Amino acid sequence: MRIWRCLIAVPAGFALLAAALGAFAQTPAAGAGAAQVECFANARLIDGRGEVLENATLRIRGGVILDIGTANSGCDITHDLTGKTVIPALVNTHAHLGWEAYGNWGSQYFTDENLIDHLYRHAYYGVGTIISTGSDKEDVALRVKLEQRKGNVGGARYHLSPGLGSPGGGPNPRFTDDPDYWGVNPVADPEQGVRTVRELAARGYRIAKIWIDDRDERRGAQIKVAPDTYRAVLNEAARQDIRIIAHAMTLADHKALVAAGNRRFIHMPFDRAVDDEYLEMIRRNNVYIVPTLGMVTKREPWYVPAFRDPYFHDQVPPSVLESLNENYSPPPAERSAVEEQRSAMLAANLLKLKDQVILGTDAGAVGDFFGYADHVELALFVRMGMTPMEALVAGTSRAAAAFGFDDVGELREGKAADFVILDANPLEDINNTRLIDEVYLRGQPVDREGLSEQWTRED
């Protein structure tokens, strides 16, 4: 039994929940302990912006980075990190929290308990910030977010973005086919688009997602959201200081959306090779792109399903691994010439877009698993031609900058003390991000051993 299971059913009982979570909450200790200076000395620090500092000391106090240098003075507590590498906690800008139940999936699992569990699963794998896009149950999500801000819930920092789409359209049919799915915010015309954005702003949202996808038409929605409508949404969002991220998969839609003012995309163009016009547009306008490579590489001959990867085994019991194995359909041993060409095109597109790429996994919607999928995605960045440093920047500082998260994504004075201590250097092998010694969020260690013990236990 997870330690919060018996308590979370009573939403008002968050004080009890916080007590039950204990060390998992990662909130600063009360009293004098919170003011102590904690030093992490003799480490290799990768700052998230592309710089490396050897034999460095990271000093933190009260959940904030005081400074970074080479001296170990003024420390109340010192940790010797000789041979270790420290990176910022990862920032995942695209996932779908709440639905995955590790053996089951559906809207009925979007509860306080399950949502909080997903925040801790991200934290376990060194993800310090997560955006859940377009599929969150608002009353549950806002309640958990509020309690996290109050310090009663730990795990990865939780941001949610409500979804806008054509009437009857929007998310993956896996969501919309659920009989209890609560739906998207429909935007059938510019006027409704403006009203919807204003309503979201009034409710305090600062991020929103819009689906621009032909699949809406294929399943009976009115039409794909029209350019005049999404242009109105983007203009009003700019006035209301809401950051829009557009789900779009074609080069033509990407170009039209950039021209209309969109600056963030879920998915890179999948239908054709990017051209010089598009590259000039996204560079001039500082556009951010979540490639979601994990979603489109599952049929590659080298793909390794999660249940066969020991790194995933830390967060599920053996029965779940057995179920995943039984239901797995492996890709064919041989691929067609068309498939080979598409694979090469995707790799070429990623390499051309690398300076715009940010981390996002789509986990929770497409059979990928929270936290684990982030490391798979980083490895895919490198497999397709990015350097390990470029992948780390995409997963930390650039991802944070895309949404104005000024306190995370970097190891720098004044930033949140969200960082990951690794046993090996990820610049030598990006898979070394998996070799986690400790994760610190808000200046407090995550009890990874305790979490794994609970997740792998058969109920």
Protein backbone atom coordinates (compact mmCIF):
# COMPACT_ATOMS: atom_id res chain seq x y z
CA MET A 1 0.00 0.00 0.00
CA ARG A 2 1.32 3.43 -0.85
CA ILE A 3 1.67 5.51 2.26
CA TRP A 4 -0.86 8.13 1.21
CA ARG A 5 -3.53 5.79 -0.16
CA CYS A 6 -5.77 5.73 2.88
CA LEU A 7 -5.66 9.49 3.38
CA ILE A 8 -6.00 11.10 0.00
CA ALA A 9 -9.65 10.07 -0.37
CA VAL A 10 -10.45 12.97 1.97
CA PRO A 11 -9.35 16.07 0.01
CA ALA A 12 -9.56 18.31 3.04
CA GLY A 13 -7.14 16.14 4.96
CA PHE A 14 -3.94 17.39 3.44
CA ALA A 15 -2.36 18.00 6.84
CA LEU A 16 -2.67 14.26 7.47
CA LEU A 17 -1.36 13.58 3.99
CA ALA A 18 1.73 15.71 4.59
CA ALA A 19 2.44 13.87 7.83
CA ALA A 20 2.09 10.53 6.09
CA LEU A 21 4.41 11.50 3.28
CA GLY A 22 7.09 12.37 5.78
CA ALA A 23 10.50 12.52 4.16
CA PHE A 24 8.95 12.30 0.68
CA ALA A 25 7.52 15.82 0.93
CA GLN A 26 10.88 17.51 0.26
CA THR A 27 9.84 20.67 2.07
CA PRO A 28 12.46 22.62 4.04
CA ALA A 29 12.70 21.67 7.68
CA ALA A 30 11.28 24.08 10.19
CA GLY A 31 13.40 26.16 12.50
CA ALA A 32 17.15 26.54 12.45
CA GLY A 33 17.73 23.60 10.14
CA ALA A 34 16.13 25.45 7.27
CA ALA A 35 18.77 28.20 7.56
CA GLN A 36 21.75 25.86 7.48
CA VAL A 37 24.22 26.17 4.64
CA GLU A 38 24.66 22.81 2.95
CA CYS A 39 27.67 22.33 0.67
CA PHE A 40 28.13 19.78 -2.10
CA ALA A 41 31.86 19.83 -2.68
CA ASN A 42 34.42 18.57 -5.20
CA ALA A 43 31.87 17.80 -7.91
CA ARG A 44 31.71 18.25 -11.64
CA LEU A 45 28.86 20.72 -12.20
CA ILE A 46 27.02 20.92 -15.51
CA ASP A 47 25.07 24.14 -15.16
CA GLY A 48 22.28 23.53 -17.69
CA ARG A 49 23.41 26.32 -20.01
CA GLY A 50 26.30 24.47 -21.59
CA GLU A 51 29.08 25.19 -19.09
CA VAL A 52 31.05 22.73 -16.95
CA LEU A 53 32.84 23.55 -13.70
CA GLU A 54 35.26 20.97 -12.30
CA ASN A 55 35.97 20.45 -8.58
CA ALA A 56 33.14 22.81 -7.76
CA THR A 57 31.17 23.44 -4.59
CA LEU A 58 27.43 24.04 -4.71
CA ARG A 59 26.13 25.85 -1.62
CA ILE A 60 22.42 25.84 -0.79
CA ARG A 61 20.26 27.21 2.00
CA GLY A 62 16.53 27.04 2.52
CA GLY A 63 15.87 25.38 -0.82
CA VAL A 64 17.80 27.97 -2.85
CA ILE A 65 21.27 27.94 -4.40
CA LEU A 66 23.46 30.43 -2.53
CA ASP A 67 26.41 30.28 -4.90
CA ILE A 68 28.75 28.04 -6.87
CA GLY A 69 32.52 28.16 -6.55
CA THR A 70 35.57 26.19 -5.54
CA ALA A 71 35.81 27.12 -1.85
CA ASN A 72 34.16 25.07 0.90
CA SER A 73 33.95 27.82 3.52
CA GLY A 74 30.87 28.76 5.49
CA CYS A 75 29.33 25.28 5.38
CA ASP A 76 27.21 23.83 8.18
CA ILE A 77 26.97 20.48 6.38
CA THR A 78 29.38 19.25 3.70
CA HIS A 79 28.90 16.39 1.24
CA ASP A 80 32.01 15.21 -0.57
CA LEU A 81 31.03 14.53 -4.20
CA THR A 82 34.45 13.56 -5.50
CA GLY A 83 33.91 11.59 -8.70
CA LYS A 84 30.27 12.68 -8.97
CA THR A 85 28.55 14.91 -11.53
CA VAL A 86 25.74 17.33 -10.66
CA ILE A 87 23.14 18.45 -13.20
CA PRO A 88 19.98 20.54 -12.80
CA ALA A 89 16.81 18.57 -12.26
CA LEU A 90 15.12 17.93 -15.59
CA VAL A 91 12.18 19.98 -16.89
CA ASN A 92 9.56 17.96 -18.79
CA THR A 93 7.24 20.22 -20.79
CA HIS A 94 4.78 17.63 -22.06
CA ALA A 95 3.14 14.68 -20.34
CA HIS A 96 -0.34 13.50 -19.36
CA LEU A 97 -0.57 12.89 -15.63
CA GLY A 98 -3.30 11.15 -13.69
CA TRP A 99 -4.61 8.50 -16.10
CA GLU A 100 -1.89 5.85 -15.87
CA ALA A 101 -2.40 3.26 -13.12
CA TYR A 102 0.43 0.84 -14.02
CA GLY A 103 -1.68 -2.11 -15.10
CA ASN A 104 -4.80 -0.05 -15.82
CA TRP A 105 -5.53 3.26 -17.54
CA GLY A 106 -8.50 5.62 -17.65
CA SER A 107 -10.22 8.73 -16.33
CA GLN A 108 -11.34 6.93 -13.18
CA TYR A 109 -7.73 6.95 -12.00
CA PHE A 110 -7.42 10.73 -12.09
CA THR A 111 -7.48 11.12 -8.31
CA ASP A 112 -5.45 13.12 -5.83
CA GLU A 113 -3.59 9.98 -4.85
CA ASN A 114 -2.65 8.92 -8.36
CA LEU A 115 -1.68 12.41 -9.47
CA ILE A 116 0.62 12.84 -6.47
CA ASP A 117 2.09 9.42 -7.15
CA HIS A 118 3.00 10.59 -10.67
CA LEU A 119 4.74 13.67 -9.29
CA TYR A 120 6.91 11.41 -7.14
CA ARG A 121 7.65 9.07 -10.03
CA HIS A 122 9.07 12.02 -11.94
CA ALA A 123 11.04 13.13 -8.89
CA TYR A 124 12.51 9.65 -8.46
CA TYR A 125 14.06 9.88 -11.93
CA GLY A 126 15.42 13.39 -11.43
CA VAL A 127 12.62 15.37 -13.07
CA GLY A 128 12.04 18.48 -10.99
CA THR A 129 9.35 20.21 -13.06
CA ILE A 130 6.52 18.73 -15.12
CA ILE A 131 3.80 20.24 -17.32
CA SER A 132 0.70 18.11 -17.80
CA THR A 133 -0.98 19.19 -21.01
CA GLY A 134 -4.66 19.19 -21.85
CA SER A 135 -5.91 16.12 -19.99
CA ASP A 136 -6.11 17.08 -16.30
CA LYS A 137 -9.29 16.95 -14.25
CA GLU A 138 -9.46 20.54 -13.08
CA ASP A 139 -10.80 20.18 -9.54
CA VAL A 140 -8.31 17.46 -8.63
CA ALA A 141 -5.41 19.14 -10.42
CA LEU A 142 -5.90 22.57 -8.88
CA ARG A 143 -6.33 21.09 -5.42
CA VAL A 144 -3.07 19.16 -5.66
CA LYS A 145 -1.26 22.14 -7.18
CA LEU A 146 -2.42 24.39 -4.35
CA GLU A 147 -1.33 21.93 -1.68
CA GLN A 148 2.05 21.59 -3.34
CA ARG A 149 2.49 25.36 -3.26
CA LYS A 150 1.66 25.29 0.45
CA GLY A 151 4.37 22.69 1.01
CA ASN A 152 2.05 19.80 1.80
CA VAL A 153 2.86 17.81 -1.35
CA GLY A 154 6.31 17.20 -2.80
CA GLY A 155 7.49 15.50 -5.96
CA ALA A 156 8.14 17.30 -9.22
CA ARG A 157 6.83 20.86 -9.46
CA TYR A 158 3.42 20.53 -11.07
CA HIS A 159 2.12 22.79 -13.83
CA LEU A 160 -1.01 22.10 -15.82
CA SER A 161 -2.24 23.48 -19.11
CA PRO A 162 -5.91 23.19 -20.07
CA GLY A 163 -6.62 22.20 -23.66
CA LEU A 164 -8.41 24.03 -26.46
CA GLY A 165 -9.64 22.29 -29.59
CA SER A 166 -12.34 21.97 -32.19
CA PRO A 167 -15.73 20.81 -30.84
CA GLY A 168 -15.56 17.03 -30.60
CA GLY A 169 -11.82 17.05 -31.26
CA GLY A 170 -8.63 17.69 -29.40
CA PRO A 171 -6.78 14.91 -27.62
CA ASN A 172 -5.67 11.47 -28.64
CA PRO A 173 -8.79 9.30 -29.17
CA ARG A 174 -7.58 7.20 -26.26
CA PHE A 175 -8.74 10.09 -24.06
CA THR A 176 -11.87 11.13 -25.95
CA ASP A 177 -13.14 7.54 -26.24
CA ASP A 178 -13.22 7.30 -22.45
CA PRO A 179 -16.94 7.67 -21.55
CA ASP A 180 -16.13 9.79 -18.50
CA TYR A 181 -13.63 12.12 -20.19
CA TRP A 182 -14.42 15.70 -19.20
CA GLY A 183 -13.57 17.20 -22.59
CA VAL A 184 -11.63 20.16 -23.93
CA ASN A 185 -12.42 23.85 -24.05
CA PRO A 186 -14.09 24.07 -27.50
CA VAL A 187 -13.08 26.92 -29.81
CA ALA A 188 -15.33 26.88 -32.88
CA ASP A 189 -14.71 30.47 -33.96
CA PRO A 190 -12.54 33.50 -33.07
CA GLU A 191 -15.06 34.93 -30.63
CA GLN A 192 -15.28 31.72 -28.66
CA GLY A 193 -11.51 31.45 -28.74
CA VAL A 194 -11.10 34.89 -27.18
CA ARG A 195 -13.75 34.19 -24.52
CA THR A 196 -12.12 30.91 -23.61
CA VAL A 197 -8.68 32.44 -23.20
CA ARG A 198 -10.11 35.19 -20.99
CA GLU A 199 -11.88 32.60 -18.86
CA LEU A 200 -8.67 30.63 -18.43
CA ALA A 201 -6.80 33.80 -17.44
CA ALA A 202 -9.49 34.62 -14.89
CA ARG A 203 -9.00 31.17 -13.36
CA GLY A 204 -5.28 31.81 -13.02
CA TYR A 205 -3.87 29.68 -15.82
CA ARG A 206 -0.58 30.73 -17.40
CA ILE A 207 -0.14 27.83 -19.85
CA ALA A 208 -2.62 26.37 -22.34
CA LYS A 209 -2.52 23.83 -25.14
CA ILE A 210 -4.28 23.97 -28.49
CA TRP A 211 -4.71 21.04 -30.87
CA ILE A 212 -4.27 21.75 -34.57
CA ASP A 213 -4.65 18.32 -36.11
CA ASP A 214 -6.40 16.64 -39.05
CA ARG A 215 -7.32 13.71 -36.82
CA ASP A 216 -10.18 15.85 -35.48
CA GLU A 217 -11.90 15.69 -38.86
CA ARG A 218 -11.30 11.97 -39.22
CA ARG A 219 -13.22 11.19 -36.02
CA GLY A 220 -16.22 13.42 -36.62
CA ALA A 221 -15.25 16.78 -35.17
CA GLN A 222 -16.51 19.81 -37.04
CA ILE A 223 -13.20 20.86 -38.58
CA LYS A 224 -9.61 21.35 -37.64
CA VAL A 225 -9.30 24.63 -35.73
CA ALA A 226 -9.24 27.29 -38.43
CA PRO A 227 -6.41 29.84 -38.80
CA ASP A 228 -8.59 32.83 -37.90
CA THR A 229 -9.63 31.06 -34.71
CA TYR A 230 -6.17 30.02 -33.55
CA ARG A 231 -4.85 33.45 -34.50
CA ALA A 232 -7.45 35.01 -32.18
CA VAL A 233 -6.49 32.55 -29.43
CA LEU A 234 -2.79 33.36 -29.78
CA ASN A 235 -3.36 37.12 -29.81
CA GLU A 236 -5.58 37.05 -26.74
CA ALA A 237 -3.20 34.69 -24.95
CA ALA A 238 -0.38 37.18 -25.51
CA ARG A 239 -2.52 39.93 -23.99
CA GLN A 240 -3.38 37.73 -21.01
CA ASP A 241 0.22 36.48 -20.52
CA ILE A 242 -0.75 32.87 -21.20
CA ARG A 243 1.87 30.75 -22.91
CA ILE A 244 0.30 28.65 -25.65
CA ILE A 245 1.80 25.38 -26.81
CA ALA A 246 0.34 23.99 -30.03
CA HIS A 247 -0.03 20.33 -30.86
CA ALA A 248 0.77 20.16 -34.59
CA MET A 249 2.44 17.46 -36.66
CA THR A 250 2.70 18.83 -40.21
CA LEU A 251 5.17 21.28 -41.67
CA ALA A 252 2.38 23.38 -43.19
CA ASP A 253 0.61 23.76 -39.84
CA HIS A 254 3.89 24.61 -38.12
CA LYS A 255 4.59 27.40 -40.60
CA ALA A 256 1.07 28.81 -40.37
CA LEU A 257 1.13 28.74 -36.57
CA VAL A 258 4.51 30.47 -36.34
CA ALA A 259 3.24 33.15 -38.74
CA ALA A 260 0.21 33.56 -36.45
CA GLY A 261 2.42 34.07 -33.40
CA ASN A 262 2.81 30.61 -31.87
CA ARG A 263 6.18 30.04 -30.19
CA ARG A 264 5.87 26.51 -28.74
CA PHE A 265 5.08 23.18 -30.34
CA ILE A 266 4.30 19.69 -29.15
CA HIS A 267 5.72 17.43 -31.87
CA MET A 268 8.09 18.41 -34.64
CA PRO A 269 6.94 18.11 -38.27
CA PHE A 270 6.52 14.40 -38.96
CA ASP A 271 5.15 14.51 -42.50
CA ARG A 272 8.12 15.83 -44.46
CA ALA A 273 11.62 17.25 -44.28
CA VAL A 274 11.88 20.73 -42.82
CA ASP A 275 12.95 23.40 -45.31
CA ASP A 276 14.99 26.60 -45.15
CA GLU A 277 11.89 28.80 -44.89
CA TYR A 278 10.73 26.98 -41.78
CA LEU A 279 14.18 26.97 -40.20
CA GLU A 280 14.50 30.71 -40.72
CA MET A 281 11.05 31.28 -39.19
CA ILE A 282 11.68 29.29 -36.03
CA ARG A 283 15.14 30.74 -35.45
CA ARG A 284 14.05 34.32 -36.00
CA ASN A 285 11.07 33.89 -33.67
CA ASN A 286 12.87 31.79 -31.01
CA VAL A 287 10.41 28.91 -31.31
CA TYR A 288 10.57 25.93 -28.94
CA ILE A 289 9.79 22.40 -30.13
CA VAL A 290 9.04 19.20 -28.19
CA PRO A 291 9.98 16.45 -30.68
CA THR A 292 8.37 13.52 -28.76
CA LEU A 293 10.79 11.05 -30.32
CA GLY A 294 9.74 8.31 -27.93
CA MET A 295 6.30 8.37 -29.51
CA VAL A 296 7.52 7.82 -33.08
CA THR A 297 10.40 5.37 -32.60
CA LYS A 298 8.58 2.41 -31.06
CA ARG A 299 8.71 0.47 -34.33
CA GLU A 300 12.43 0.94 -34.79
CA PRO A 301 14.34 -2.37 -34.78
CA TRP A 302 16.56 -1.13 -31.95
CA TYR A 303 13.63 -0.09 -29.71
CA VAL A 304 13.79 -1.58 -26.20
CA PRO A 305 10.39 -1.82 -24.46
CA ALA A 306 10.31 -0.61 -20.87
CA PHE A 307 9.63 -4.02 -19.36
CA ARG A 308 12.94 -5.29 -20.76
CA ASP A 309 14.91 -2.37 -19.34
CA PRO A 310 16.15 -2.90 -15.75
CA TYR A 311 16.07 0.86 -15.22
CA PHE A 312 12.27 0.73 -15.42
CA HIS A 313 12.00 -2.13 -12.95
CA ASP A 314 12.53 0.28 -10.04
CA GLN A 315 8.97 1.57 -10.21
CA VAL A 316 6.64 -1.40 -10.82
CA PRO A 317 6.02 -4.84 -9.27
CA PRO A 318 6.84 -8.02 -11.20
CA SER A 319 3.18 -8.56 -12.10
CA VAL A 320 3.12 -5.33 -14.13
CA LEU A 321 6.27 -6.34 -15.99
CA GLU A 322 4.68 -9.69 -16.80
CA SER A 323 1.53 -7.99 -18.08
CA LEU A 324 3.50 -5.62 -20.28
CA ASN A 325 5.45 -8.55 -21.69
CA GLU A 326 2.30 -10.53 -22.47
CA ASN A 327 0.71 -7.62 -24.32
CA TYR A 328 3.77 -6.54 -26.27
CA SER A 329 3.81 -6.72 -30.06
CA PRO A 330 7.42 -6.40 -31.29
CA PRO A 331 8.27 -4.46 -34.43
CA PRO A 332 9.00 -6.49 -37.56
CA ALA A 333 12.57 -7.60 -38.04
CA GLU A 334 12.67 -6.03 -41.49
CA ARG A 335 11.37 -2.62 -42.51
CA SER A 336 10.18 -1.24 -45.80
CA ALA A 337 12.11 1.34 -47.77
CA VAL A 338 9.41 3.89 -46.89
CA GLU A 339 9.93 3.25 -43.17
CA GLU A 340 13.68 3.58 -43.56
CA GLN A 341 13.27 6.89 -45.39
CA ARG A 342 10.92 8.23 -42.72
CA SER A 343 13.33 7.26 -39.96
CA ALA A 344 16.17 9.05 -41.73
CA MET A 345 13.96 12.11 -42.29
CA LEU A 346 13.04 12.34 -38.60
CA ALA A 347 16.69 12.15 -37.56
CA ALA A 348 17.62 14.83 -40.10
CA ASN A 349 14.77 17.06 -38.93
CA LEU A 350 15.83 16.76 -35.30
CA LEU A 351 19.40 17.68 -36.09
CA LYS A 352 18.30 20.81 -37.96
CA LEU A 353 15.98 21.77 -35.11
CA LYS A 354 18.37 20.95 -32.25
CA ASP A 355 18.79 24.54 -31.03
CA GLN A 356 15.00 24.80 -30.63
CA VAL A 357 14.44 21.40 -29.00
CA ILE A 358 13.06 21.07 -25.45
CA LEU A 359 12.28 17.98 -23.41
CA GLY A 360 8.80 16.45 -23.38
CA THR A 361 7.73 12.82 -23.38
CA ASP A 362 3.96 12.45 -23.92
CA ALA A 363 4.19 9.93 -21.07
CA GLY A 364 0.83 8.91 -19.68
CA ALA A 365 -0.82 8.87 -23.09
CA VAL A 366 1.19 6.64 -25.40
CA GLY A 367 2.50 3.78 -23.30
CA ASP A 368 5.55 5.58 -21.94
CA PHE A 369 6.16 5.78 -18.23
CA PHE A 370 6.76 8.76 -16.00
CA GLY A 371 10.34 9.75 -15.26
CA TYR A 372 11.79 6.75 -17.05
CA ALA A 373 10.62 8.18 -20.39
CA ASP A 374 12.62 11.36 -19.84
CA HIS A 375 15.89 9.45 -19.89
CA VAL A 376 14.77 7.51 -22.95
CA GLU A 377 14.04 10.80 -24.72
CA LEU A 378 17.43 12.29 -23.84
CA ALA A 379 19.12 9.18 -25.21
CA LEU A 380 17.06 9.47 -28.41
CA PHE A 381 18.21 13.08 -28.85
CA VAL A 382 21.79 11.84 -28.82
CA ARG A 383 21.11 8.76 -30.92
CA MET A 384 19.75 11.04 -33.64
CA GLY A 385 22.75 13.35 -33.66
CA MET A 386 22.64 15.84 -30.79
CA THR A 387 25.58 15.96 -28.40
CA PRO A 388 25.04 14.98 -24.76
CA MET A 389 25.49 18.63 -23.75
CA GLU A 390 22.88 19.76 -26.28
CA ALA A 391 20.49 17.14 -24.93
CA LEU A 392 21.03 18.31 -21.34
CA VAL A 393 20.45 21.95 -22.26
CA ALA A 394 17.22 20.92 -24.03
CA GLY A 395 16.12 19.07 -20.91
CA THR A 396 16.94 21.82 -18.41
CA SER A 397 17.52 25.53 -19.04
CA ARG A 398 15.91 25.78 -22.49
CA ALA A 399 12.84 23.84 -21.39
CA ALA A 400 12.47 26.16 -18.40
CA ALA A 401 12.95 29.29 -20.51
CA ALA A 402 10.25 28.20 -22.95
CA PHE A 403 7.61 28.69 -20.25
CA GLY A 404 9.18 31.43 -18.18
CA PHE A 405 10.15 29.16 -15.28
CA ASP A 406 12.79 31.50 -13.93
CA ASP A 407 13.66 29.52 -10.80
CA VAL A 408 14.53 26.12 -12.28
CA GLY A 409 16.56 24.50 -15.05
CA GLU A 410 19.97 25.90 -14.09
CA LEU A 411 22.59 25.59 -11.39
CA ARG A 412 23.06 29.25 -10.60
CA GLU A 413 22.90 31.63 -7.67
CA GLY A 414 19.31 32.36 -6.66
CA LYS A 415 17.80 29.39 -8.49
CA ALA A 416 15.88 26.63 -6.74
CA ALA A 417 18.03 23.87 -5.28
CA ASP A 418 16.66 21.25 -7.66
CA PHE A 419 19.50 19.04 -8.83
CA VAL A 420 20.58 15.47 -9.53
CA ILE A 421 23.81 13.85 -8.34
CA LEU A 422 25.10 11.28 -10.83
CA ASP A 423 27.69 8.55 -10.37
CA ALA A 424 29.16 9.13 -13.85
CA ASN A 425 29.61 11.89 -16.40
CA PRO A 426 26.68 12.19 -18.86
CA LEU A 427 28.88 14.15 -21.29
CA GLU A 428 30.78 10.91 -21.89
CA ASP A 429 27.60 8.85 -22.29
CA ILE A 430 24.11 10.34 -22.08
CA ASN A 431 22.88 7.11 -20.50
CA ASN A 432 24.85 8.10 -17.41
CA THR A 433 21.87 10.32 -16.50
CA ARG A 434 20.37 7.03 -15.35
CA LEU A 435 23.14 6.49 -12.78
CA ILE A 436 21.48 8.58 -10.10
CA ASP A 437 23.05 8.74 -6.66
CA GLU A 438 20.63 11.29 -5.21
CA VAL A 439 17.93 13.73 -6.27
CA TYR A 440 17.40 17.01 -4.42
CA LEU A 441 14.23 19.05 -4.90
CA ARG A 442 13.62 22.27 -2.99
CA GLY A 443 16.91 21.60 -1.23
CA GLN A 444 15.73 18.29 0.24
CA PRO A 445 16.68 14.73 -0.79
CA VAL A 446 14.08 12.51 -2.42
CA ASP A 447 13.72 9.17 -0.65
CA ARG A 448 14.28 7.14 -3.80
CA GLU A 449 14.87 3.90 -1.93
CA GLY A 450 11.59 4.19 -0.04
CA LEU A 451 9.63 5.06 -3.17
CA SER A 452 11.04 2.16 -5.16
CA GLU A 453 10.35 -0.23 -2.30
CA GLN A 454 6.68 0.75 -2.28
CA TRP A 455 6.22 0.75 -6.04
CA THR A 456 7.75 -2.69 -6.57
CA ARG A 457 5.76 -4.34 -3.78
CA GLU A 458 2.85 -6.54 -4.86
CA ASP A 459 -0.39 -5.35 -3.21
